[in-house]
Amino acid sequence: MAGNLIYVSDNQTLTLSSAGQAVLTHVNTGSNIKTDVTSDWTANQGLLLQTRSDATPGQYTGEVTWTLQNTVE
């Protein structure tokens, strides 16, 4: 399909690929609070498919793998 999977947050657009890329970071305050990464997503924000004008109409399938890492900055 002619297009890209993108992640839009705070007016910043990241084009996603098969290479790993950080799209969100969170600092653990030790207060055991749950983080909902989709709570701020709208029709124009979050994980989106950006198609080009030469994309052929049809049904497509794909897979997105999210990897969480507990790391030190």
C-alpha atoms as a PDB file:
ATOM      1  CA  MET A   1       0.000   0.000   0.000  1.00  0.00           C
ATOM      2  CA  ALA A   2       1.298   3.436  -0.848  1.00  0.00           C
ATOM      3  CA  GLY A   3       1.631   5.224   2.467  1.00  0.00           C
ATOM      4  CA  ASN A   4       3.120   5.207   5.939  1.00  0.00           C
ATOM      5  CA  LEU A   5       2.158   4.355   9.476  1.00  0.00           C
ATOM      6  CA  ILE A   6       2.652   7.526  11.518  1.00  0.00           C
ATOM      7  CA  TYR A   7       2.400   8.546  15.156  1.00  0.00           C
ATOM      8  CA  VAL A   8       1.175  12.098  15.809  1.00  0.00           C
ATOM      9  CA  SER A   9       1.528  13.697  19.248  1.00  0.00           C
ATOM     10  CA  ASP A  10       1.650  17.369  20.266  1.00  0.00           C
ATOM     11  CA  ASN A  11       1.921  18.524  16.623  1.00  0.00           C
ATOM     12  CA  GLN A  12       4.935  16.234  16.077  1.00  0.00           C
ATOM     13  CA  THR A  13       4.681  13.537  13.395  1.00  0.00           C
ATOM     14  CA  LEU A  14       6.921  10.456  13.490  1.00  0.00           C
ATOM     15  CA  THR A  15       6.997   8.135  10.475  1.00  0.00           C
ATOM     16  CA  LEU A  16       7.193   4.580  11.806  1.00  0.00           C
ATOM     17  CA  SER A  17       9.155   1.763  10.192  1.00  0.00           C
ATOM     18  CA  SER A  18      10.442  -1.692  11.036  1.00  0.00           C
ATOM     19  CA  ALA A  19      13.283  -0.084  13.011  1.00  0.00           C
ATOM     20  CA  GLY A  20      12.521   0.546  16.684  1.00  0.00           C
ATOM     21  CA  GLN A  21      11.537   4.086  17.569  1.00  0.00           C
ATOM     22  CA  ALA A  22      10.434   5.657  20.852  1.00  0.00           C
ATOM     23  CA  VAL A  23       7.019   7.303  20.523  1.00  0.00           C
ATOM     24  CA  LEU A  24       6.278   7.881  24.215  1.00  0.00           C
ATOM     25  CA  THR A  25       8.243   8.077  27.433  1.00  0.00           C
ATOM     26  CA  HIS A  26       7.007   8.093  31.005  1.00  0.00           C
ATOM     27  CA  VAL A  27       8.811   8.664  34.293  1.00  0.00           C
ATOM     28  CA  ASN A  28       7.760   6.260  37.042  1.00  0.00           C
ATOM     29  CA  THR A  29       7.055   8.210  40.212  1.00  0.00           C
ATOM     30  CA  GLY A  30       6.578   5.043  42.238  1.00  0.00           C
ATOM     31  CA  SER A  31       2.937   5.872  42.903  1.00  0.00           C
ATOM     32  CA  ASN A  32       1.586   2.816  40.997  1.00  0.00           C
ATOM     33  CA  ILE A  33      -0.442   4.973  38.569  1.00  0.00           C
ATOM     34  CA  LYS A  34      -1.725   3.405  35.354  1.00  0.00           C
ATOM     35  CA  THR A  35      -0.819   5.167  32.111  1.00  0.00           C
ATOM     36  CA  ASP A  36      -3.346   5.122  29.249  1.00  0.00           C
ATOM     37  CA  VAL A  37      -1.371   5.904  26.099  1.00  0.00           C
ATOM     38  CA  THR A  38      -4.516   6.226  23.961  1.00  0.00           C
ATOM     39  CA  SER A  39      -6.462   8.634  26.195  1.00  0.00           C
ATOM     40  CA  ASP A  40      -5.353  11.716  24.211  1.00  0.00           C
ATOM     41  CA  TRP A  41      -5.787  10.187  20.756  1.00  0.00           C
ATOM     42  CA  THR A  42      -8.244  11.935  18.440  1.00  0.00           C
ATOM     43  CA  ALA A  43      -9.094  11.626  14.747  1.00  0.00           C
ATOM     44  CA  ASN A  44      -5.855  13.516  13.994  1.00  0.00           C
ATOM     45  CA  GLN A  45      -3.611  12.327  16.802  1.00  0.00           C
ATOM     46  CA  GLY A  46      -2.187   8.961  17.809  1.00  0.00           C
ATOM     47  CA  LEU A  47      -1.399   6.023  15.544  1.00  0.00           C
ATOM     48  CA  LEU A  48      -2.557   6.856  12.000  1.00  0.00           C
ATOM     49  CA  LEU A  49      -2.241   5.534   8.458  1.00  0.00           C
ATOM     50  CA  GLN A  50      -1.137   8.241   6.043  1.00  0.00           C
ATOM     51  CA  THR A  51      -1.893   7.173   2.472  1.00  0.00           C
ATOM     52  CA  ARG A  52      -0.488   8.698  -0.671  1.00  0.00           C
ATOM     53  CA  SER A  53      -2.598   9.769  -3.631  1.00  0.00           C
ATOM     54  CA  ASP A  54      -1.444   6.727  -5.627  1.00  0.00           C
ATOM     55  CA  ALA A  55      -2.735   4.222  -3.025  1.00  0.00           C
ATOM     56  CA  THR A  56      -4.951   1.557  -4.574  1.00  0.00           C
ATOM     57  CA  PRO A  57      -8.342   1.189  -2.866  1.00  0.00           C
ATOM     58  CA  GLY A  58      -8.951  -2.202  -1.291  1.00  0.00           C
ATOM     59  CA  GLN A  59      -8.797  -4.182   1.926  1.00  0.00           C
ATOM     60  CA  TYR A  60      -5.428  -4.401   3.633  1.00  0.00           C
ATOM     61  CA  THR A  61      -4.187  -6.039   6.812  1.00  0.00           C
ATOM     62  CA  GLY A  62      -1.108  -5.410   8.872  1.00  0.00           C
ATOM     63  CA  GLU A  63       0.416  -5.921  12.279  1.00  0.00           C
ATOM     64  CA  VAL A  64       1.860  -3.444  14.766  1.00  0.00           C
ATOM     65  CA  THR A  65       4.147  -4.660  17.531  1.00  0.00           C
ATOM     66  CA  TRP A  66       4.427  -2.462  20.638  1.00  0.00           C
ATOM     67  CA  THR A  67       7.475  -3.069  22.823  1.00  0.00           C
ATOM     68  CA  LEU A  68       7.633  -1.687  26.347  1.00  0.00           C
ATOM     69  CA  GLN A  69      11.005  -1.163  27.945  1.00  0.00           C
ATOM     70  CA  ASN A  70      11.865  -0.388  31.549  1.00  0.00           C
ATOM     71  CA  THR A  71      15.095   1.564  31.121  1.00  0.00           C
ATOM     72  CA  VAL A  72      17.203   4.186  32.827  1.00  0.00           C
ATOM     73  CA  GLU A  73      17.594   7.519  31.061  1.00  0.00           C
END
